[in-house]
Amino acid sequence: MTLTSEKKQAIFEKYGKGKMDSGATEAQIALFTERINHLTLHLKENQKDFATEKALVSLVGKRRRLLDYLKNKDILKYRELIKELGIRK
């Protein structure tokens, strides 16, 4: 199951400035988190799916870089987002 456009729009509306605001850092982090959670569940069932494992590692790295950027830009938004999404460093 992939993310539907309605689900993406809901994420962008909640964390961005509007339904079509896919450029906001917080919205991108939330979208990556949703995809990471989905791939993690997939890998629990399919341990030998190495292509998915590589994609997961790549997504985690992208999310980490965005989180570092947000932390340097605005520490309060960073802390709020970490708490809301349930991400821990």
N, C-alpha and C. Protein backbone atom coordinates (compact mmCIF):
# COMPACT_ATOMS: atom_id res chain seq x y z
N MET A 1 0.83 -1.18 0.00
CA MET A 1 0.00 0.00 0.00
C MET A 1 0.88 1.24 0.00
N THR A 2 0.70 2.08 -0.97
CA THR A 2 1.45 3.33 -1.02
C THR A 2 0.59 4.46 -0.47
N LEU A 3 1.20 5.59 -0.30
CA LEU A 3 0.46 6.75 0.18
C LEU A 3 -0.43 7.29 -0.93
N THR A 4 -1.68 7.47 -0.62
CA THR A 4 -2.60 8.04 -1.59
C THR A 4 -2.44 9.56 -1.59
N SER A 5 -2.92 10.19 -2.64
CA SER A 5 -2.79 11.64 -2.73
C SER A 5 -3.61 12.34 -1.64
N GLU A 6 -4.72 11.72 -1.23
CA GLU A 6 -5.52 12.31 -0.15
C GLU A 6 -4.76 12.30 1.17
N LYS A 7 -4.06 11.19 1.42
CA LYS A 7 -3.28 11.09 2.66
C LYS A 7 -2.12 12.08 2.65
N LYS A 8 -1.47 12.23 1.48
CA LYS A 8 -0.38 13.19 1.36
C LYS A 8 -0.90 14.61 1.58
N GLN A 9 -2.05 14.93 1.00
CA GLN A 9 -2.62 16.26 1.17
C GLN A 9 -2.97 16.52 2.63
N ALA A 10 -3.45 15.49 3.32
CA ALA A 10 -3.76 15.65 4.74
C ALA A 10 -2.49 15.93 5.55
N ILE A 11 -1.41 15.25 5.21
CA ILE A 11 -0.13 15.49 5.90
C ILE A 11 0.36 16.90 5.61
N PHE A 12 0.29 17.31 4.33
CA PHE A 12 0.75 18.65 3.97
C PHE A 12 -0.10 19.73 4.62
N GLU A 13 -1.41 19.47 4.73
CA GLU A 13 -2.30 20.46 5.35
C GLU A 13 -2.01 20.58 6.84
N LYS A 14 -1.72 19.46 7.48
CA LYS A 14 -1.48 19.47 8.92
C LYS A 14 -0.12 20.09 9.27
N TYR A 15 0.91 19.76 8.51
CA TYR A 15 2.26 20.20 8.85
C TYR A 15 2.77 21.35 7.99
N GLY A 16 2.14 21.59 6.84
CA GLY A 16 2.56 22.69 5.97
C GLY A 16 1.64 23.88 6.12
N LYS A 17 1.66 24.74 5.11
CA LYS A 17 0.81 25.92 5.14
C LYS A 17 -0.50 25.72 4.40
N GLY A 18 -0.63 24.61 3.69
CA GLY A 18 -1.85 24.33 2.95
C GLY A 18 -1.80 22.94 2.36
N LYS A 19 -2.85 22.58 1.61
CA LYS A 19 -2.92 21.23 1.04
C LYS A 19 -1.82 20.94 0.04
N MET A 20 -1.39 21.97 -0.68
CA MET A 20 -0.40 21.77 -1.74
C MET A 20 1.00 22.20 -1.33
N ASP A 21 1.22 22.50 -0.06
CA ASP A 21 2.53 22.96 0.40
C ASP A 21 3.43 21.77 0.72
N SER A 22 4.02 21.21 -0.32
CA SER A 22 4.88 20.04 -0.13
C SER A 22 6.32 20.45 0.13
N GLY A 23 6.62 21.74 0.11
CA GLY A 23 7.99 22.20 0.28
C GLY A 23 8.36 22.51 1.71
N ALA A 24 7.39 22.59 2.60
CA ALA A 24 7.70 22.91 3.99
C ALA A 24 8.53 21.78 4.61
N THR A 25 9.53 22.16 5.36
CA THR A 25 10.42 21.17 5.97
C THR A 25 9.65 20.23 6.88
N GLU A 26 8.75 20.77 7.68
CA GLU A 26 7.98 19.94 8.60
C GLU A 26 7.11 18.94 7.84
N ALA A 27 6.53 19.38 6.72
CA ALA A 27 5.68 18.50 5.91
C ALA A 27 6.51 17.38 5.29
N GLN A 28 7.70 17.70 4.81
CA GLN A 28 8.56 16.67 4.23
C GLN A 28 8.99 15.65 5.27
N ILE A 29 9.31 16.11 6.46
CA ILE A 29 9.71 15.20 7.54
C ILE A 29 8.55 14.29 7.91
N ALA A 30 7.34 14.84 8.00
CA ALA A 30 6.16 14.03 8.33
C ALA A 30 5.89 13.00 7.24
N LEU A 31 6.06 13.39 5.98
CA LEU A 31 5.85 12.46 4.88
C LEU A 31 6.88 11.34 4.91
N PHE A 32 8.14 11.69 5.13
CA PHE A 32 9.19 10.67 5.24
C PHE A 32 8.92 9.73 6.41
N THR A 33 8.43 10.27 7.52
CA THR A 33 8.14 9.44 8.68
C THR A 33 7.04 8.44 8.37
N GLU A 34 6.02 8.88 7.66
CA GLU A 34 4.92 7.98 7.26
C GLU A 34 5.45 6.86 6.36
N ARG A 35 6.30 7.23 5.40
CA ARG A 35 6.86 6.21 4.49
C ARG A 35 7.79 5.26 5.24
N ILE A 36 8.57 5.78 6.18
CA ILE A 36 9.48 4.94 6.97
C ILE A 36 8.69 3.95 7.80
N ASN A 37 7.61 4.40 8.42
CA ASN A 37 6.78 3.49 9.21
C ASN A 37 6.19 2.38 8.35
N HIS A 38 5.75 2.74 7.14
CA HIS A 38 5.19 1.74 6.22
C HIS A 38 6.24 0.71 5.81
N LEU A 39 7.44 1.18 5.46
CA LEU A 39 8.50 0.26 5.04
C LEU A 39 8.98 -0.61 6.20
N THR A 40 8.96 -0.08 7.40
CA THR A 40 9.36 -0.86 8.56
C THR A 40 8.40 -2.02 8.78
N LEU A 41 7.11 -1.75 8.65
CA LEU A 41 6.13 -2.84 8.78
C LEU A 41 6.31 -3.88 7.68
N HIS A 42 6.61 -3.44 6.46
CA HIS A 42 6.83 -4.35 5.35
C HIS A 42 8.05 -5.24 5.62
N LEU A 43 9.11 -4.66 6.17
CA LEU A 43 10.33 -5.43 6.41
C LEU A 43 10.18 -6.42 7.57
N LYS A 44 9.25 -6.16 8.47
CA LYS A 44 9.01 -7.12 9.55
C LYS A 44 8.44 -8.42 8.99
N GLU A 45 7.67 -8.31 7.91
CA GLU A 45 7.08 -9.50 7.29
C GLU A 45 8.01 -10.12 6.26
N ASN A 46 8.83 -9.30 5.60
CA ASN A 46 9.70 -9.75 4.50
C ASN A 46 11.15 -9.40 4.82
N GLN A 47 11.78 -10.21 5.65
CA GLN A 47 13.12 -9.90 6.12
C GLN A 47 14.17 -9.91 5.01
N LYS A 48 13.95 -10.64 3.94
CA LYS A 48 14.96 -10.77 2.89
C LYS A 48 14.76 -9.80 1.73
N ASP A 49 13.92 -8.81 1.90
CA ASP A 49 13.68 -7.82 0.87
C ASP A 49 14.75 -6.72 0.99
N PHE A 50 15.88 -6.95 0.35
CA PHE A 50 17.02 -6.07 0.53
C PHE A 50 16.87 -4.75 -0.22
N ALA A 51 16.11 -4.72 -1.29
CA ALA A 51 15.87 -3.48 -2.01
C ALA A 51 15.07 -2.51 -1.13
N THR A 52 14.08 -3.03 -0.44
CA THR A 52 13.29 -2.20 0.47
C THR A 52 14.14 -1.74 1.64
N GLU A 53 15.02 -2.60 2.10
CA GLU A 53 15.91 -2.23 3.21
C GLU A 53 16.81 -1.06 2.81
N LYS A 54 17.33 -1.12 1.59
CA LYS A 54 18.18 -0.02 1.10
C LYS A 54 17.38 1.27 0.97
N ALA A 55 16.16 1.17 0.47
CA ALA A 55 15.29 2.35 0.36
C ALA A 55 14.98 2.93 1.74
N LEU A 56 14.78 2.06 2.72
CA LEU A 56 14.49 2.51 4.08
C LEU A 56 15.68 3.27 4.66
N VAL A 57 16.87 2.74 4.48
CA VAL A 57 18.07 3.41 4.99
C VAL A 57 18.24 4.78 4.32
N SER A 58 17.96 4.84 3.03
CA SER A 58 18.05 6.10 2.30
C SER A 58 17.05 7.12 2.84
N LEU A 59 15.82 6.70 3.08
CA LEU A 59 14.80 7.61 3.61
C LEU A 59 15.15 8.10 5.00
N VAL A 60 15.70 7.21 5.83
CA VAL A 60 16.08 7.62 7.19
C VAL A 60 17.18 8.68 7.12
N GLY A 61 18.11 8.52 6.18
CA GLY A 61 19.17 9.51 6.02
C GLY A 61 18.64 10.85 5.56
N LYS A 62 17.70 10.83 4.61
CA LYS A 62 17.09 12.08 4.14
C LYS A 62 16.35 12.78 5.26
N ARG A 63 15.61 11.99 6.05
CA ARG A 63 14.86 12.59 7.16
C ARG A 63 15.81 13.16 8.20
N ARG A 64 16.93 12.46 8.45
CA ARG A 64 17.90 12.93 9.43
C ARG A 64 18.50 14.28 8.99
N ARG A 65 18.82 14.40 7.69
CA ARG A 65 19.37 15.66 7.19
C ARG A 65 18.35 16.80 7.32
N LEU A 66 17.09 16.52 7.03
CA LEU A 66 16.06 17.55 7.17
C LEU A 66 15.86 17.93 8.64
N LEU A 67 15.93 16.94 9.52
CA LEU A 67 15.79 17.24 10.95
C LEU A 67 16.96 18.08 11.45
N ASP A 68 18.17 17.79 10.97
CA ASP A 68 19.32 18.61 11.36
C ASP A 68 19.16 20.05 10.86
N TYR A 69 18.66 20.19 9.63
CA TYR A 69 18.42 21.53 9.08
C TYR A 69 17.39 22.27 9.93
N LEU A 70 16.30 21.61 10.28
CA LEU A 70 15.26 22.25 11.07
C LEU A 70 15.77 22.61 12.46
N LYS A 71 16.61 21.75 13.02
CA LYS A 71 17.16 22.03 14.35
C LYS A 71 18.04 23.27 14.32
N ASN A 72 18.83 23.44 13.26
CA ASN A 72 19.67 24.62 13.15
C ASN A 72 18.86 25.88 12.84
N LYS A 73 17.75 25.72 12.13
CA LYS A 73 16.93 26.86 11.72
C LYS A 73 16.01 27.33 12.85
N ASP A 74 15.29 26.38 13.48
CA ASP A 74 14.33 26.75 14.53
C ASP A 74 14.20 25.58 15.51
N ILE A 75 14.86 25.69 16.64
CA ILE A 75 14.93 24.59 17.61
C ILE A 75 13.56 24.30 18.23
N LEU A 76 12.72 25.32 18.39
CA LEU A 76 11.41 25.09 19.00
C LEU A 76 10.50 24.27 18.09
N LYS A 77 10.50 24.57 16.78
CA LYS A 77 9.73 23.77 15.83
C LYS A 77 10.25 22.34 15.78
N TYR A 78 11.57 22.21 15.85
CA TYR A 78 12.20 20.88 15.84
C TYR A 78 11.70 20.05 17.02
N ARG A 79 11.76 20.62 18.20
CA ARG A 79 11.33 19.89 19.41
C ARG A 79 9.85 19.53 19.36
N GLU A 80 9.04 20.47 18.88
CA GLU A 80 7.61 20.22 18.77
C GLU A 80 7.31 19.09 17.78
N LEU A 81 8.00 19.11 16.64
CA LEU A 81 7.79 18.10 15.60
C LEU A 81 8.24 16.72 16.07
N ILE A 82 9.38 16.67 16.75
CA ILE A 82 9.89 15.39 17.26
C ILE A 82 8.88 14.78 18.23
N LYS A 83 8.35 15.61 19.10
CA LYS A 83 7.39 15.13 20.09
C LYS A 83 6.10 14.66 19.43
N GLU A 84 5.64 15.43 18.44
CA GLU A 84 4.37 15.13 17.78
C GLU A 84 4.45 13.85 16.94
N LEU A 85 5.57 13.67 16.23
CA LEU A 85 5.72 12.50 15.38
C LEU A 85 6.23 11.27 16.12
N GLY A 86 6.72 11.46 17.32
CA GLY A 86 7.22 10.33 18.09
C GLY A 86 8.58 9.85 17.61
N ILE A 87 9.38 10.76 17.08
CA ILE A 87 10.73 10.42 16.61
C ILE A 87 11.69 10.67 17.76
N ARG A 88 12.63 9.78 17.92
CA ARG A 88 13.66 10.03 18.92
C ARG A 88 15.02 9.91 18.24
N LYS A 89 15.97 10.66 18.74
CA LYS A 89 17.28 10.64 18.12
C LYS A 89 18.12 9.54 18.67
